[in-house]
Amino acid sequence: MIPRNIHGTVVYETKEEDRRLTLLEDSSVIVFLAGLGFGLVYLRKWGIAQALAGDDEDQLAEQPR
């Protein structure tokens, strides 16, 4: 039996349960970091596209008719 401290309470689990819980925790961190990375890349590309579109609108507004 392996002791695990969860919010101040000690829970005893088997080695297999400990391995599965550790794998689940590590997997959830990886999924979170991947989502964060994809979100930042998306926002960066979207922000650049919006900035370029805004520059085009500014140039059209500055041109005399």
PDB file of N, CA and C in Angstrom:
ATOM      1  N   MET A   1       0.841  -1.181   0.000  1.00  0.00           N
ATOM      2  CA  MET A   1       0.000   0.000   0.000  1.00  0.00           C
ATOM      3  C   MET A   1       0.886   1.245   0.000  1.00  0.00           C
ATOM      4  N   ILE A   2       0.439   2.208  -0.754  1.00  0.00           N
ATOM      5  CA  ILE A   2       1.181   3.459  -0.900  1.00  0.00           C
ATOM      6  C   ILE A   2       0.316   4.594  -0.350  1.00  0.00           C
ATOM      7  N   PRO A   3       0.835   5.384   0.599  1.00  0.00           N
ATOM      8  CA  PRO A   3       0.048   6.512   1.114  1.00  0.00           C
ATOM      9  C   PRO A   3       0.097   7.695   0.140  1.00  0.00           C
ATOM     10  N   ARG A   4      -1.034   8.364  -0.013  1.00  0.00           N
ATOM     11  CA  ARG A   4      -1.113   9.569  -0.848  1.00  0.00           C
ATOM     12  C   ARG A   4      -1.880  10.615  -0.054  1.00  0.00           C
ATOM     13  N   ASN A   5      -1.310  11.801   0.054  1.00  0.00           N
ATOM     14  CA  ASN A   5      -1.930  12.893   0.790  1.00  0.00           C
ATOM     15  C   ASN A   5      -2.789  13.694  -0.187  1.00  0.00           C
ATOM     16  N   ILE A   6      -4.100  13.684   0.033  1.00  0.00           N
ATOM     17  CA  ILE A   6      -5.025  14.419  -0.824  1.00  0.00           C
ATOM     18  C   ILE A   6      -5.763  15.427   0.049  1.00  0.00           C
ATOM     19  N   HIS A   7      -5.424  16.692  -0.090  1.00  0.00           N
ATOM     20  CA  HIS A   7      -6.035  17.790   0.672  1.00  0.00           C
ATOM     21  C   HIS A   7      -6.002  17.524   2.172  1.00  0.00           C
ATOM     22  N   GLY A   8      -4.868  17.056   2.670  1.00  0.00           N
ATOM     23  CA  GLY A   8      -4.696  16.852   4.096  1.00  0.00           C
ATOM     24  C   GLY A   8      -5.192  15.516   4.620  1.00  0.00           C
ATOM     25  N   THR A   9      -5.776  14.702   3.764  1.00  0.00           N
ATOM     26  CA  THR A   9      -6.258  13.382   4.161  1.00  0.00           C
ATOM     27  C   THR A   9      -5.368  12.330   3.528  1.00  0.00           C
ATOM     28  N   VAL A  10      -4.904  11.386   4.325  1.00  0.00           N
ATOM     29  CA  VAL A  10      -4.041  10.332   3.799  1.00  0.00           C
ATOM     30  C   VAL A  10      -4.914   9.198   3.284  1.00  0.00           C
ATOM     31  N   VAL A  11      -4.709   8.836   2.030  1.00  0.00           N
ATOM     32  CA  VAL A  11      -5.436   7.746   1.392  1.00  0.00           C
ATOM     33  C   VAL A  11      -4.412   6.691   1.016  1.00  0.00           C
ATOM     34  N   TYR A  12      -4.717   5.453   1.328  1.00  0.00           N
ATOM     35  CA  TYR A  12      -3.817   4.355   0.975  1.00  0.00           C
ATOM     36  C   TYR A  12      -4.336   3.687  -0.288  1.00  0.00           C
ATOM     37  N   GLU A  13      -3.429   3.454  -1.225  1.00  0.00           N
ATOM     38  CA  GLU A  13      -3.810   2.859  -2.500  1.00  0.00           C
ATOM     39  C   GLU A  13      -2.775   1.821  -2.908  1.00  0.00           C
ATOM     40  N   THR A  14      -3.178   0.974  -3.837  1.00  0.00           N
ATOM     41  CA  THR A  14      -2.252  -0.043  -4.329  1.00  0.00           C
ATOM     42  C   THR A  14      -1.295   0.595  -5.322  1.00  0.00           C
ATOM     43  N   LYS A  15      -0.253  -0.121  -5.686  1.00  0.00           N
ATOM     44  CA  LYS A  15       0.710   0.400  -6.661  1.00  0.00           C
ATOM     45  C   LYS A  15       0.038   0.656  -8.005  1.00  0.00           C
ATOM     46  N   GLU A  16      -0.872  -0.215  -8.400  1.00  0.00           N
ATOM     47  CA  GLU A  16      -1.582  -0.040  -9.673  1.00  0.00           C
ATOM     48  C   GLU A  16      -2.461   1.209  -9.636  1.00  0.00           C
ATOM     49  N   GLU A  17      -3.170   1.434  -8.542  1.00  0.00           N
ATOM     50  CA  GLU A  17      -3.992   2.635  -8.407  1.00  0.00           C
ATOM     51  C   GLU A  17      -3.120   3.888  -8.412  1.00  0.00           C
ATOM     52  N   ASP A  18      -1.986   3.831  -7.747  1.00  0.00           N
ATOM     53  CA  ASP A  18      -1.058   4.960  -7.716  1.00  0.00           C
ATOM     54  C   ASP A  18      -0.532   5.260  -9.114  1.00  0.00           C
ATOM     55  N   ARG A  19      -0.191   4.223  -9.856  1.00  0.00           N
ATOM     56  CA  ARG A  19       0.321   4.402 -11.214  1.00  0.00           C
ATOM     57  C   ARG A  19      -0.745   5.019 -12.121  1.00  0.00           C
ATOM     58  N   ARG A  20      -1.986   4.519 -12.022  1.00  0.00           N
ATOM     59  CA  ARG A  20      -3.070   5.048 -12.864  1.00  0.00           C
ATOM     60  C   ARG A  20      -3.385   6.499 -12.519  1.00  0.00           C
ATOM     61  N   LEU A  21      -3.415   6.831 -11.229  1.00  0.00           N
ATOM     62  CA  LEU A  21      -3.708   8.203 -10.822  1.00  0.00           C
ATOM     63  C   LEU A  21      -2.594   9.155 -11.252  1.00  0.00           C
ATOM     64  N   THR A  22      -1.360   8.729 -11.127  1.00  0.00           N
ATOM     65  CA  THR A  22      -0.230   9.549 -11.565  1.00  0.00           C
ATOM     66  C   THR A  22      -0.282   9.763 -13.074  1.00  0.00           C
ATOM     67  N   LEU A  23      -0.615   8.716 -13.823  1.00  0.00           N
ATOM     68  CA  LEU A  23      -0.742   8.829 -15.281  1.00  0.00           C
ATOM     69  C   LEU A  23      -1.864   9.794 -15.649  1.00  0.00           C
ATOM     70  N   LEU A  24      -2.981   9.717 -14.947  1.00  0.00           N
ATOM     71  CA  LEU A  24      -4.104  10.612 -15.205  1.00  0.00           C
ATOM     72  C   LEU A  24      -3.729  12.065 -14.909  1.00  0.00           C
ATOM     73  N   GLU A  25      -3.052  12.299 -13.799  1.00  0.00           N
ATOM     74  CA  GLU A  25      -2.622  13.657 -13.449  1.00  0.00           C
ATOM     75  C   GLU A  25      -1.656  14.211 -14.491  1.00  0.00           C
ATOM     76  N   ASP A  26      -0.684  13.406 -14.886  1.00  0.00           N
ATOM     77  CA  ASP A  26       0.299  13.856 -15.873  1.00  0.00           C
ATOM     78  C   ASP A  26      -0.359  14.115 -17.226  1.00  0.00           C
ATOM     79  N   SER A  27      -1.304  13.257 -17.613  1.00  0.00           N
ATOM     80  CA  SER A  27      -2.001  13.429 -18.887  1.00  0.00           C
ATOM     81  C   SER A  27      -2.826  14.709 -18.891  1.00  0.00           C
ATOM     82  N   SER A  28      -3.477  15.013 -17.774  1.00  0.00           N
ATOM     83  CA  SER A  28      -4.292  16.223 -17.724  1.00  0.00           C
ATOM     84  C   SER A  28      -3.427  17.477 -17.825  1.00  0.00           C
ATOM     85  N   VAL A  29      -2.242  17.452 -17.255  1.00  0.00           N
ATOM     86  CA  VAL A  29      -1.325  18.591 -17.373  1.00  0.00           C
ATOM     87  C   VAL A  29      -0.878  18.753 -18.821  1.00  0.00           C
ATOM     88  N   ILE A  30      -0.576  17.650 -19.488  1.00  0.00           N
ATOM     89  CA  ILE A  30      -0.142  17.707 -20.886  1.00  0.00           C
ATOM     90  C   ILE A  30      -1.255  18.259 -21.770  1.00  0.00           C
ATOM     91  N   VAL A  31      -2.493  17.808 -21.556  1.00  0.00           N
ATOM     92  CA  VAL A  31      -3.624  18.301 -22.352  1.00  0.00           C
ATOM     93  C   VAL A  31      -3.830  19.796 -22.102  1.00  0.00           C
ATOM     94  N   PHE A  32      -3.718  20.231 -20.855  1.00  0.00           N
ATOM     95  CA  PHE A  32      -3.863  21.650 -20.537  1.00  0.00           C
ATOM     96  C   PHE A  32      -2.798  22.484 -21.239  1.00  0.00           C
ATOM     97  N   LEU A  33      -1.544  22.044 -21.158  1.00  0.00           N
ATOM     98  CA  LEU A  33      -0.456  22.802 -21.781  1.00  0.00           C
ATOM     99  C   LEU A  33      -0.583  22.823 -23.300  1.00  0.00           C
ATOM    100  N   ALA A  34      -1.022  21.712 -23.892  1.00  0.00           N
ATOM    101  CA  ALA A  34      -1.227  21.680 -25.344  1.00  0.00           C
ATOM    102  C   ALA A  34      -2.337  22.655 -25.735  1.00  0.00           C
ATOM    103  N   GLY A  35      -3.436  22.660 -24.996  1.00  0.00           N
ATOM    104  CA  GLY A  35      -4.526  23.593 -25.277  1.00  0.00           C
ATOM    105  C   GLY A  35      -4.095  25.038 -25.121  1.00  0.00           C
ATOM    106  N   LEU A  36      -3.319  25.310 -24.094  1.00  0.00           N
ATOM    107  CA  LEU A  36      -2.804  26.659 -23.889  1.00  0.00           C
ATOM    108  C   LEU A  36      -1.905  27.073 -25.050  1.00  0.00           C
ATOM    109  N   GLY A  37      -1.041  26.176 -25.471  1.00  0.00           N
ATOM    110  CA  GLY A  37      -0.148  26.467 -26.597  1.00  0.00           C
ATOM    111  C   GLY A  37      -0.913  26.720 -27.884  1.00  0.00           C
ATOM    112  N   PHE A  38      -1.890  25.846 -28.182  1.00  0.00           N
ATOM    113  CA  PHE A  38      -2.697  26.035 -29.392  1.00  0.00           C
ATOM    114  C   PHE A  38      -3.480  27.343 -29.326  1.00  0.00           C
ATOM    115  N   GLY A  39      -4.000  27.670 -28.149  1.00  0.00           N
ATOM    116  CA  GLY A  39      -4.740  28.917 -27.993  1.00  0.00           C
ATOM    117  C   GLY A  39      -3.868  30.138 -28.214  1.00  0.00           C
ATOM    118  N   LEU A  40      -2.651  30.110 -27.696  1.00  0.00           N
ATOM    119  CA  LEU A  40      -1.736  31.241 -27.890  1.00  0.00           C
ATOM    120  C   LEU A  40      -1.337  31.396 -29.350  1.00  0.00           C
ATOM    121  N   VAL A  41      -1.090  30.280 -30.026  1.00  0.00           N
ATOM    122  CA  VAL A  41      -0.752  30.342 -31.454  1.00  0.00           C
ATOM    123  C   VAL A  41      -1.929  30.897 -32.239  1.00  0.00           C
ATOM    124  N   TYR A  42      -3.143  30.434 -31.929  1.00  0.00           N
ATOM    125  CA  TYR A  42      -4.335  30.922 -32.618  1.00  0.00           C
ATOM    126  C   TYR A  42      -4.511  32.421 -32.398  1.00  0.00           C
ATOM    127  N   LEU A  43      -4.395  32.864 -31.143  1.00  0.00           N
ATOM    128  CA  LEU A  43      -4.571  34.286 -30.866  1.00  0.00           C
ATOM    129  C   LEU A  43      -3.496  35.124 -31.537  1.00  0.00           C
ATOM    130  N   ARG A  44      -2.281  34.613 -31.580  1.00  0.00           N
ATOM    131  CA  ARG A  44      -1.205  35.360 -32.237  1.00  0.00           C
ATOM    132  C   ARG A  44      -1.490  35.509 -33.731  1.00  0.00           C
ATOM    133  N   LYS A  45      -1.895  34.434 -34.383  1.00  0.00           N
ATOM    134  CA  LYS A  45      -2.202  34.513 -35.818  1.00  0.00           C
ATOM    135  C   LYS A  45      -3.431  35.385 -36.063  1.00  0.00           C
ATOM    136  N   TRP A  46      -4.457  35.239 -35.232  1.00  0.00           N
ATOM    137  CA  TRP A  46      -5.665  36.021 -35.395  1.00  0.00           C
ATOM    138  C   TRP A  46      -5.376  37.495 -35.155  1.00  0.00           C
ATOM    139  N   GLY A  47      -4.534  37.786 -34.172  1.00  0.00           N
ATOM    140  CA  GLY A  47      -4.183  39.170 -33.875  1.00  0.00           C
ATOM    141  C   GLY A  47      -3.423  39.821 -35.013  1.00  0.00           C
ATOM    142  N   ILE A  48      -2.514  39.076 -35.637  1.00  0.00           N
ATOM    143  CA  ILE A  48      -1.766  39.607 -36.779  1.00  0.00           C
ATOM    144  C   ILE A  48      -2.707  39.861 -37.947  1.00  0.00           C
ATOM    145  N   ALA A  49      -3.629  38.937 -38.189  1.00  0.00           N
ATOM    146  CA  ALA A  49      -4.587  39.108 -39.286  1.00  0.00           C
ATOM    147  C   ALA A  49      -5.463  40.331 -39.036  1.00  0.00           C
ATOM    148  N   GLN A  50      -5.905  40.527 -37.796  1.00  0.00           N
ATOM    149  CA  GLN A  50      -6.738  41.681 -37.474  1.00  0.00           C
ATOM    150  C   GLN A  50      -5.952  42.987 -37.606  1.00  0.00           C
ATOM    151  N   ALA A  51      -4.685  42.966 -37.212  1.00  0.00           N
ATOM    152  CA  ALA A  51      -3.857  44.165 -37.322  1.00  0.00           C
ATOM    153  C   ALA A  51      -3.652  44.536 -38.787  1.00  0.00           C
ATOM    154  N   LEU A  52      -3.416  43.534 -39.632  1.00  0.00           N
ATOM    155  CA  LEU A  52      -3.252  43.809 -41.057  1.00  0.00           C
ATOM    156  C   LEU A  52      -4.547  44.335 -41.659  1.00  0.00           C
ATOM    157  N   ALA A  53      -5.666  43.777 -41.270  1.00  0.00           N
ATOM    158  CA  ALA A  53      -6.956  44.253 -41.770  1.00  0.00           C
ATOM    159  C   ALA A  53      -7.210  45.680 -41.289  1.00  0.00           C
ATOM    160  N   GLY A  54      -6.819  45.988 -40.076  1.00  0.00           N
ATOM    161  CA  GLY A  54      -6.982  47.340 -39.548  1.00  0.00           C
ATOM    162  C   GLY A  54      -6.115  48.339 -40.286  1.00  0.00           C
ATOM    163  N   ASP A  55      -4.897  47.946 -40.670  1.00  0.00           N
ATOM    164  CA  ASP A  55      -4.021  48.827 -41.435  1.00  0.00           C
ATOM    165  C   ASP A  55      -4.625  49.134 -42.795  1.00  0.00           C
ATOM    166  N   ASP A  56      -5.234  48.146 -43.428  1.00  0.00           N
ATOM    167  CA  ASP A  56      -5.875  48.363 -44.724  1.00  0.00           C
ATOM    168  C   ASP A  56      -7.017  49.361 -44.598  1.00  0.00           C
ATOM    169  N   GLU A  57      -7.798  49.253 -43.538  1.00  0.00           N
ATOM    170  CA  GLU A  57      -8.900  50.180 -43.325  1.00  0.00           C
ATOM    171  C   GLU A  57      -8.378  51.590 -43.072  1.00  0.00           C
ATOM    172  N   ASP A  58      -7.271  51.721 -42.337  1.00  0.00           N
ATOM    173  CA  ASP A  58      -6.691  53.033 -42.070  1.00  0.00           C
ATOM    174  C   ASP A  58      -6.187  53.669 -43.361  1.00  0.00           C
ATOM    175  N   GLN A  59      -5.570  52.881 -44.230  1.00  0.00           N
ATOM    176  CA  GLN A  59      -5.058  53.405 -45.491  1.00  0.00           C
ATOM    177  C   GLN A  59      -6.202  53.860 -46.387  1.00  0.00           C
ATOM    178  N   LEU A  60      -7.308  53.123 -46.387  1.00  0.00           N
ATOM    179  CA  LEU A  60      -8.460  53.522 -47.194  1.00  0.00           C
ATOM    180  C   LEU A  60      -9.060  54.820 -46.670  1.00  0.00           C
ATOM    181  N   ALA A  61      -9.067  55.004 -45.364  1.00  0.00           N
ATOM    182  CA  ALA A  61      -9.634  56.210 -44.775  1.00  0.00           C
ATOM    183  C   ALA A  61      -8.746  57.422 -45.049  1.00  0.00           C
ATOM    184  N   GLU A  62      -7.432  57.229 -45.177  1.00  0.00           N
ATOM    185  CA  GLU A  62      -6.513  58.341 -45.395  1.00  0.00           C
ATOM    186  C   GLU A  62      -6.456  58.782 -46.853  1.00  0.00           C
ATOM    187  N   GLN A  63      -6.844  57.924 -47.792  1.00  0.00           N
ATOM    188  CA  GLN A  63      -6.756  58.270 -49.211  1.00  0.00           C
ATOM    189  C   GLN A  63      -7.864  59.259 -49.579  1.00  0.00           C
ATOM    190  N   PRO A  64      -7.487  60.351 -50.249  1.00  0.00           N
ATOM    191  CA  PRO A  64      -8.520  61.301 -50.683  1.00  0.00           C
ATOM    192  C   PRO A  64      -9.306  60.720 -51.853  1.00  0.00           C
ATOM    193  N   ARG A  65     -10.534  61.133 -51.967  1.00  0.00           N
ATOM    194  CA  ARG A  65     -11.397  60.636 -53.052  1.00  0.00           C
ATOM    195  C   ARG A  65     -11.372  61.539 -54.223  1.00  0.00           C
TER     196      ARG A  65
END
